Protein backbone atom coordinates (compact mmCIF):
# COMPACT_ATOMS: atom_id res chain seq x y z
CA UNK A 1 87.97 115.20 97.58
CA UNK A 2 91.04 114.14 99.58
CA UNK A 3 94.41 114.84 97.97
CA UNK A 4 97.93 113.78 98.80
CA UNK A 5 101.54 114.12 97.75
CA UNK A 6 103.86 111.14 97.70
CA UNK A 7 107.06 109.79 96.29
CA UNK A 8 107.89 106.24 95.33
CA UNK A 9 110.52 103.86 94.05
CA UNK A 10 109.37 101.24 91.52
CA UNK A 11 111.43 98.08 90.99
CA UNK A 12 110.73 94.73 89.33
CA UNK A 13 111.16 92.42 92.33
CA UNK A 14 109.96 92.27 95.92
CA UNK A 15 113.48 91.38 97.05
CA UNK A 16 114.96 94.50 95.48
CA UNK A 17 112.24 96.65 97.07
CA UNK A 18 112.90 95.10 100.48
CA UNK A 19 116.65 95.69 100.09
CA UNK A 20 116.14 99.35 99.17
CA UNK A 21 113.75 99.82 102.11
CA UNK A 22 116.43 98.47 104.45
CA UNK A 23 118.97 100.89 102.95
CA UNK A 24 116.56 103.80 103.58
CA UNK A 25 115.94 102.59 107.14
CA UNK A 26 119.73 102.51 107.59
CA UNK A 27 119.99 106.16 106.52
CA UNK A 28 120.23 106.12 102.71
CA UNK A 29 118.56 109.01 100.87
CA UNK A 30 115.15 108.06 99.40
CA UNK A 31 115.44 110.46 96.45
CA UNK A 32 118.95 109.29 95.57
CA UNK A 33 117.88 105.64 95.59
CA UNK A 34 114.87 106.54 93.43
CA UNK A 35 117.17 108.20 90.88
CA UNK A 36 119.47 105.17 90.85
CA UNK A 37 116.97 102.31 90.89
CA UNK A 38 113.37 103.30 90.06
CA UNK A 39 112.02 102.10 86.71
CA UNK A 40 109.33 104.82 86.81
CA UNK A 41 110.08 108.11 85.00
CA UNK A 42 109.43 109.85 88.34
CA UNK A 43 112.70 108.36 89.54
CA UNK A 44 114.56 111.17 87.79
CA UNK A 45 112.86 113.63 90.14
CA UNK A 46 113.62 111.57 93.23
CA UNK A 47 110.42 109.54 92.92
CA UNK A 48 108.16 112.58 93.40
CA UNK A 49 104.62 111.89 92.15
CA UNK A 50 103.36 115.39 92.92
CA UNK A 51 99.85 116.06 94.20
CA UNK A 52 96.97 113.79 93.21
CA UNK A 53 93.41 113.05 94.23
CA UNK A 54 91.94 109.90 95.67
CA UNK A 55 91.13 107.46 92.86
CA UNK A 56 93.76 108.81 90.45
CA UNK A 57 96.31 106.09 91.26
CA UNK A 58 95.94 102.30 91.23
CA UNK A 59 93.84 100.94 94.14
CA UNK A 60 96.86 99.45 95.92
CA UNK A 61 98.34 102.98 96.10
CA UNK A 62 95.13 104.62 97.26
CA UNK A 63 94.78 102.15 100.13
CA UNK A 64 98.16 103.20 101.51
CA UNK A 65 98.26 106.89 100.56
CA UNK A 66 94.89 107.81 102.03
CA UNK A 67 95.04 105.63 105.13
CA UNK A 68 98.59 105.01 106.37
CA UNK A 69 101.14 107.07 108.30
CA UNK A 70 102.86 110.06 106.71
CA UNK A 71 106.65 110.37 106.40
CA UNK A 72 107.12 106.60 106.71
CA UNK A 73 108.35 104.31 103.93
CA UNK A 74 105.61 101.77 103.17
CA UNK A 75 106.02 98.62 101.13
CA UNK A 76 106.93 96.66 99.22
CA UNK A 77 103.51 97.24 97.63
CA UNK A 78 102.74 95.03 94.63
CA UNK A 79 100.87 96.52 91.66
CA UNK A 80 100.58 95.65 87.98
CA UNK A 81 103.74 97.72 87.43
CA UNK A 82 106.01 95.96 89.93
CA UNK A 83 106.93 96.59 93.56
CA UNK A 84 106.81 100.03 95.12
CA UNK A 85 108.25 101.72 98.15
CA UNK A 86 105.94 104.59 98.94
CA UNK A 87 106.31 107.61 101.20
CA UNK A 88 103.33 109.91 101.79
CA UNK A 89 104.69 113.44 102.15
CA UNK A 90 101.40 115.34 102.58
CA UNK A 91 97.67 114.66 102.78
CA UNK A 92 94.51 116.77 103.03
CA UNK A 93 90.88 115.78 103.57
């Protein structure tokens, strides 16, 4: 089963997610922004979600984590929880 490691920032609005993504693209630290803004408990650890298997996260996450480019900030990604910025840090088949 494929596994991956990722970190994310969860916020309530698409606009806020887009603003944070621009800040990261401009050089802001992902983990610091996660600590400051993420509404997910993982924000306290810089957004780190640890290692997880395919199918353990919501489908919108799986589609990005197991298909898209590593070490790139993806999003905003809308889920039932809000809007996510997602960075895949590692993946294995």
